[in-house]
Amino acid sequence: MGIKVRGKAIFWLISTVLSLSLAGLSGWTIKLHHDDQNIPSENLIGNKVTNIRVLKEKGFPFSFLVIGDTHNSNRATALIKRALKAGEFSFMVILGDFVNNPDIRQHLFFVKKMAGEIKPPFPVFLVPGNHDIDYDSKVKQIERRVTPEIYESLHGPRNFSFVFNQCLFVICGIDPRNRESYLDYLRKTLSDQGKGKRHIFVFMHNPPKGVGMAGSFPLPNEKQFFSLLETYQVTSCFFGDFHGYWRSQRRGTNLIVSGGGGLMKEWQPLWGKFHHIMRITVDEDMITEGMITLPGEVISFSGTLEKWLFIQVFPVVKDRGWIFYSLLIIFLFWAIYSVVHLATFSRWGRGQPKNLKGGQEGI
């Protein structure tokens, strides 16, 4: 008799823990669904004129962050949060591939994560990567495709520039349908705004073959590109695409590959293979490059589940949030029922004679 009572008590204990866990999960899902329905429309994410206006010029020195190929990863979230605790920054640039694929839900999750959770107190400018825009119908659901037009409606223009503290910053997007068009924008911007600037920084996704790192495709017209960097004395040019770190210098211009914000690929060499975010400190006559690294992998069950719910489940549920409230009520009633039975069998067990609680003596 004692063994049977103890077994039932254990059963209701497991039932209680399981039901309370599912109730907690339902409550958490309700909050996430509410956030999905209320993504901040006014935020500091993207290449917007309004984001330039909030930049605060305090003279030299100033610092900004650079990270690439974040792919909506838990690693990138951890890196950015760690960097925010490490000092004051004027802005951040993400060097493309900030989502896994050009799906509107991926982009909305990125904005939600940045504006709703990480909440950087400064603008975040974006370089479009080959995973960010659907140029050739990769996404099967037409309503979820992020075309160039939809991308710009979400994040601002693919080609973008601004002047900050006597320095020129230029973001160039590469259109695979017209891979040389970036040169026209870069040439015009450098010609119109480059004169007299203390430093010039250029940000792109695809690195040229000359920097020694393979990417999704090489930068077209490298000769003309390098000629522009030399002619206008560009200080530094940053690239992503390659998931790692590499740097060099060519005729006075620093060439830096910084794509360590997401998953490292098995086939790539060990050199530069680590997760990182860069801190660039700009003084009148000197540029300092610092780095925050993230050893090992970042495992976050809640982060992975949140991403899955946001991208896969919520588009199906849409505005029918009552589904999650119904599940919450069911699990809470289950929990109450389990607690009542658990208490009953616990009292019964405590009230049995000593020889009925144990093993063989009670049988």
Foldseek 3Di string as FASTA:
>chain_A
DQVVLVVVLVVLVVLLVVLVVLLVVLVVLLVLLVLLVCQPPDAQEAQDPVQQVPQDAPAPKAKEKEAEQQQLDPLLLVQLLVVLVVDDHREYEYQENNHQAQFQLRVSVSSCCDVPPSNDPHHYYYAHDPRHADPDCPDVPPVGHHHQVNVCVRHNHNWHWDDGNLEIETHFYADPVCRCVSLVSLLVCCVVPLPRGLAYEYGHEADACVQPADFPDHRPPVVSVVVSCQVSVHAEYEYERQQFWGWDDDNRYIYIYHHPNYDHDPPDDPVRHFHWMWMWIDHSNDIDIDIDTDPDDDDDPVSVVSSCCSRPPCVVCPPVSVVSVVSSVVSVVSSVVSVVSSVVSVVVSVPDPPLCNDPPSND
